[in-house]
Amino acid sequence: MEPKDRIETVAKTKAGAQQEKAGSGSQAAPGERYTVSQQEVEAIIEGWPSAPKKVVHETIETYGLPNEATPTLLIWHDSGPWNRTIITSDETAHDFPTPHTDYISQTLNYDVPPEKLPELLSFDGSIIVYRTAGQVTASCDNEAANLLTVNLMHDIVTGRKTVDEARQEFGEQTAAWMLNRKAPYTEGVTFSQPPEAETGYLDEPVMKEPTLHQTVEKVKDVLGLSDDRG
């Protein structure tokens, strides 16, 4: 990318950030405005592995048809307690709490304190924390397991359980769920979620406004792009 293109990109992204902070951005992402037809879904997943294909049908029964699709994934926006649900044909092997593959990822609003990140990494490697957006994503082979993951994550963050206790509980509730016994952590989100506008961490700029302005003007001078003021 040429320097002048980089300057233009910085200017556009800065303007976009200001719109987001002011709450003047689009209220609905473009993907939320569309629905993938059942025929399109079936054509896409025809060659998928049987496990994610089955979960696609189950998710459609629960949340309706997806909003977006590519040859390897389907996306649902605002699906129940989740900001989004993504099912992919690409399976990732995972041995906790028992050998399986991950292919359904579900995201919700949640601020994780930075000091709790090491504990969550030790608890379950299929948790992704997006601190900037204030979101957490759980990935597994079914929605019940993702609910179990985020509920136990909340117990760890709030100090109700240690990592070892949470991992033990994960195994016990998974076994109960498989046997159709009572497993409350698999039935829904057990904690109150804050609105999206109240989560996230914007961080602090290291390039202060005067420095950024001087950098842009310097590049303009070098490239001969300075304003011609006559």
Protein backbone atom coordinates (compact mmCIF):
# COMPACT_ATOMS: atom_id res chain seq x y z
CA MET A 1 0.00 0.00 0.00
CA GLU A 2 1.36 3.41 -0.99
CA PRO A 3 1.86 6.04 1.77
CA LYS A 4 -0.90 8.26 0.39
CA ASP A 5 -3.29 5.30 0.50
CA ARG A 6 -2.26 4.61 4.09
CA ILE A 7 -3.03 8.20 5.04
CA GLU A 8 -6.45 7.92 3.44
CA THR A 9 -7.12 4.66 5.26
CA VAL A 10 -6.14 6.17 8.63
CA ALA A 11 -8.42 9.15 8.02
CA LYS A 12 -11.38 6.92 7.13
CA THR A 13 -10.93 4.58 10.08
CA LYS A 14 -10.57 7.54 12.43
CA ALA A 15 -13.83 8.98 11.13
CA GLY A 16 -15.49 5.59 11.58
CA ALA A 17 -14.26 5.39 15.19
CA GLN A 18 -15.69 8.83 15.94
CA GLN A 19 -19.07 7.75 14.52
CA GLU A 20 -19.09 4.61 16.66
CA LYS A 21 -18.26 6.57 19.82
CA ALA A 22 -21.03 9.05 19.02
CA GLY A 23 -23.48 6.21 18.43
CA SER A 24 -24.16 7.40 14.90
CA GLY A 25 -23.09 4.23 13.15
CA SER A 26 -25.50 1.79 11.52
CA GLN A 27 -27.88 0.23 14.06
CA ALA A 28 -27.96 -3.04 12.14
CA ALA A 29 -24.96 -4.64 10.51
CA PRO A 30 -25.52 -5.32 6.80
CA GLY A 31 -25.48 -9.06 7.40
CA GLU A 32 -28.47 -8.80 9.77
CA ARG A 33 -30.67 -7.48 6.97
CA TYR A 34 -30.53 -10.67 4.95
CA THR A 35 -31.64 -14.26 5.32
CA VAL A 36 -30.12 -17.24 3.55
CA SER A 37 -32.78 -19.46 2.00
CA GLN A 38 -33.23 -23.08 3.03
CA GLN A 39 -32.30 -24.13 -0.49
CA GLU A 40 -29.05 -22.18 -0.32
CA VAL A 41 -28.25 -23.64 3.09
CA GLU A 42 -28.76 -27.20 1.90
CA ALA A 43 -26.58 -26.61 -1.15
CA ILE A 44 -23.79 -25.18 1.01
CA ILE A 45 -23.76 -27.92 3.65
CA GLU A 46 -24.27 -30.84 1.26
CA GLY A 47 -20.59 -31.81 1.41
CA TRP A 48 -20.01 -30.82 5.05
CA PRO A 49 -19.07 -33.40 7.71
CA SER A 50 -22.11 -35.00 9.33
CA ALA A 51 -21.67 -33.48 12.79
CA PRO A 52 -21.69 -29.77 11.86
CA LYS A 53 -24.37 -30.46 9.24
CA LYS A 54 -26.62 -31.89 11.98
CA VAL A 55 -26.03 -28.88 14.23
CA VAL A 56 -26.89 -26.53 11.35
CA HIS A 57 -30.34 -28.13 11.14
CA GLU A 58 -30.77 -27.96 14.92
CA THR A 59 -29.78 -24.29 14.95
CA ILE A 60 -32.25 -23.48 12.18
CA GLU A 61 -34.99 -25.15 14.24
CA THR A 62 -34.06 -22.93 17.21
CA TYR A 63 -33.16 -19.59 15.63
CA GLY A 64 -34.42 -19.75 12.07
CA LEU A 65 -32.42 -19.46 8.88
CA PRO A 66 -28.92 -17.89 9.00
CA ASN A 67 -28.23 -14.31 7.97
CA GLU A 68 -24.95 -14.89 6.13
CA ALA A 69 -23.21 -17.76 4.39
CA THR A 70 -19.98 -18.75 2.66
CA PRO A 71 -19.01 -22.20 1.35
CA THR A 72 -17.50 -23.06 4.74
CA LEU A 73 -19.60 -21.25 7.35
CA LEU A 74 -23.05 -19.97 8.30
CA ILE A 75 -23.73 -16.96 10.54
CA TRP A 76 -26.75 -16.07 12.67
CA HIS A 77 -26.97 -12.57 14.21
CA ASP A 78 -28.85 -11.89 17.46
CA SER A 79 -29.54 -15.58 18.04
CA GLY A 80 -31.12 -15.94 21.48
CA PRO A 81 -28.61 -14.82 24.14
CA TRP A 82 -25.85 -14.64 21.55
CA ASN A 83 -24.63 -11.68 19.53
CA ARG A 84 -23.86 -14.17 16.79
CA THR A 85 -23.63 -17.88 16.15
CA ILE A 86 -21.18 -19.27 13.60
CA ILE A 87 -21.08 -22.86 12.40
CA THR A 88 -18.18 -23.94 10.22
CA SER A 89 -17.41 -27.02 8.19
CA ASP A 90 -13.84 -26.91 9.54
CA GLU A 91 -13.65 -29.04 12.68
CA THR A 92 -11.00 -28.49 15.36
CA ALA A 93 -10.07 -31.45 17.59
CA HIS A 94 -10.52 -30.79 21.33
CA ASP A 95 -10.17 -33.32 24.15
CA PHE A 96 -11.83 -31.38 27.02
CA PRO A 97 -14.01 -32.58 28.70
CA THR A 98 -14.02 -35.57 26.35
CA PRO A 99 -12.65 -35.95 22.80
CA HIS A 100 -14.78 -34.10 20.25
CA THR A 101 -14.42 -31.41 17.58
CA ASP A 102 -15.28 -27.70 17.79
CA TYR A 103 -17.33 -26.21 14.96
CA ILE A 104 -20.03 -24.01 16.53
CA SER A 105 -18.86 -20.68 18.01
CA GLN A 106 -21.21 -18.38 19.92
CA THR A 107 -20.48 -14.87 21.16
CA LEU A 108 -22.00 -12.67 23.87
CA ASN A 109 -21.25 -9.39 25.65
CA TYR A 110 -18.92 -9.81 28.61
CA ASP A 111 -16.04 -7.82 30.06
CA VAL A 112 -13.28 -10.09 31.34
CA PRO A 113 -10.85 -8.41 33.76
CA PRO A 114 -7.31 -8.78 32.31
CA GLU A 115 -6.05 -10.43 35.49
CA LYS A 116 -8.56 -13.26 34.96
CA LEU A 117 -7.34 -14.14 31.46
CA PRO A 118 -4.71 -16.68 32.61
CA GLU A 119 -7.36 -18.55 34.59
CA LEU A 120 -9.72 -18.70 31.61
CA LEU A 121 -6.93 -19.96 29.36
CA SER A 122 -6.27 -22.73 31.87
CA PHE A 123 -9.96 -23.52 32.16
CA ASP A 124 -10.78 -24.02 28.48
CA GLY A 125 -8.68 -23.33 25.39
CA SER A 126 -11.82 -22.84 23.29
CA ILE A 127 -12.69 -19.50 24.91
CA ILE A 128 -11.80 -16.36 22.96
CA VAL A 129 -11.83 -13.01 24.78
CA TYR A 130 -12.18 -9.92 22.58
CA ARG A 131 -11.45 -7.26 25.16
CA THR A 132 -11.76 -4.27 22.83
CA ALA A 133 -15.32 -5.17 21.86
CA GLY A 134 -16.23 -6.52 25.29
CA GLN A 135 -17.16 -9.93 23.95
CA VAL A 136 -16.45 -13.57 24.74
CA THR A 137 -16.76 -16.46 22.28
CA ALA A 138 -17.18 -20.10 23.27
CA SER A 139 -16.62 -22.90 20.76
CA CYS A 140 -17.64 -26.53 21.04
CA ASP A 141 -19.81 -29.14 19.28
CA ASN A 142 -23.23 -27.96 20.52
CA GLU A 143 -24.94 -24.95 22.06
CA ALA A 144 -25.44 -26.61 25.45
CA ALA A 145 -21.66 -26.95 25.84
CA ASN A 146 -21.16 -23.29 24.89
CA LEU A 147 -23.70 -22.24 27.51
CA LEU A 148 -21.91 -24.40 30.05
CA THR A 149 -18.61 -22.79 29.07
CA VAL A 150 -19.73 -19.18 29.52
CA ASN A 151 -21.58 -19.92 32.77
CA LEU A 152 -18.52 -21.55 34.31
CA MET A 153 -16.38 -18.73 32.91
CA HIS A 154 -18.58 -16.31 34.86
CA ASP A 155 -18.12 -18.39 38.02
CA ILE A 156 -14.33 -18.19 37.59
CA VAL A 157 -14.36 -14.43 36.92
CA THR A 158 -16.57 -13.75 39.95
CA GLY A 159 -14.54 -16.04 42.21
CA ARG A 160 -17.30 -18.58 42.78
CA LYS A 161 -15.17 -21.41 41.42
CA THR A 162 -11.51 -22.14 40.92
CA VAL A 163 -10.27 -23.38 37.56
CA ASP A 164 -10.07 -26.96 38.84
CA GLU A 165 -13.58 -26.77 40.29
CA ALA A 166 -14.95 -25.37 37.03
CA ARG A 167 -13.31 -28.10 34.97
CA GLN A 168 -14.70 -30.78 37.28
CA GLU A 169 -18.16 -29.19 37.09
CA PHE A 170 -17.90 -29.08 33.30
CA GLY A 171 -17.41 -32.83 33.16
CA GLU A 172 -20.22 -33.54 35.61
CA GLN A 173 -22.77 -31.31 33.89
CA THR A 174 -21.77 -32.63 30.46
CA ALA A 175 -22.37 -36.20 31.65
CA ALA A 176 -25.75 -35.20 33.13
CA TRP A 177 -26.75 -33.44 29.90
CA MET A 178 -25.81 -36.47 27.79
CA LEU A 179 -27.98 -38.69 30.04
CA ASN A 180 -30.88 -36.20 29.87
CA ARG A 181 -30.53 -35.39 33.56
CA LYS A 182 -30.73 -31.97 35.19
CA ALA A 183 -27.82 -29.78 34.03
CA PRO A 184 -28.87 -26.14 34.67
CA TYR A 185 -25.68 -24.59 33.29
CA THR A 186 -26.52 -26.05 29.86
CA GLU A 187 -30.03 -24.59 29.70
CA GLY A 188 -29.34 -20.87 29.38
CA VAL A 189 -27.11 -17.99 30.41
CA THR A 190 -27.24 -17.77 34.21
CA PHE A 191 -26.01 -14.17 34.55
CA SER A 192 -27.27 -10.79 33.36
CA GLN A 193 -25.57 -9.53 30.23
CA PRO A 194 -24.80 -5.83 29.95
CA PRO A 195 -25.89 -3.96 26.80
CA GLU A 196 -23.31 -3.95 24.03
CA ALA A 197 -22.84 -0.19 24.44
CA GLU A 198 -21.66 -0.75 28.03
CA THR A 199 -18.98 -3.33 27.32
CA GLY A 200 -15.56 -3.11 25.74
CA TYR A 201 -12.26 -1.41 26.39
CA LEU A 202 -11.13 1.23 23.91
CA ASP A 203 -7.63 1.41 25.42
CA GLU A 204 -5.47 4.55 25.26
CA PRO A 205 -3.82 6.00 22.13
CA VAL A 206 -0.02 6.05 22.06
CA MET A 207 -0.02 8.38 19.07
CA LYS A 208 -1.44 11.58 20.48
CA GLU A 209 -3.35 13.92 18.19
CA PRO A 210 -0.53 16.46 17.62
CA THR A 211 1.93 13.64 16.83
CA LEU A 212 -0.46 11.99 14.41
CA HIS A 213 -1.16 15.30 12.67
CA GLN A 214 2.56 16.05 12.34
CA THR A 215 3.21 12.58 10.92
CA VAL A 216 0.49 12.97 8.29
CA GLU A 217 1.73 16.44 7.30
CA LYS A 218 5.33 15.18 7.05
CA VAL A 219 4.30 12.36 4.71
CA LYS A 220 2.30 14.82 2.63
CA ASP A 221 5.36 17.04 2.28
CA VAL A 222 7.57 14.14 1.21
CA LEU A 223 5.03 13.04 -1.38
CA GLY A 224 4.26 16.53 -2.56
CA LEU A 225 0.69 16.25 -1.39
CA SER A 226 0.57 19.42 0.70
CA ASP A 227 -2.37 21.76 0.15
CA ASP A 228 -1.67 24.43 -2.46
CA ARG A 229 -2.62 27.60 -0.68
CA GLY A 230 -1.48 29.88 -3.53
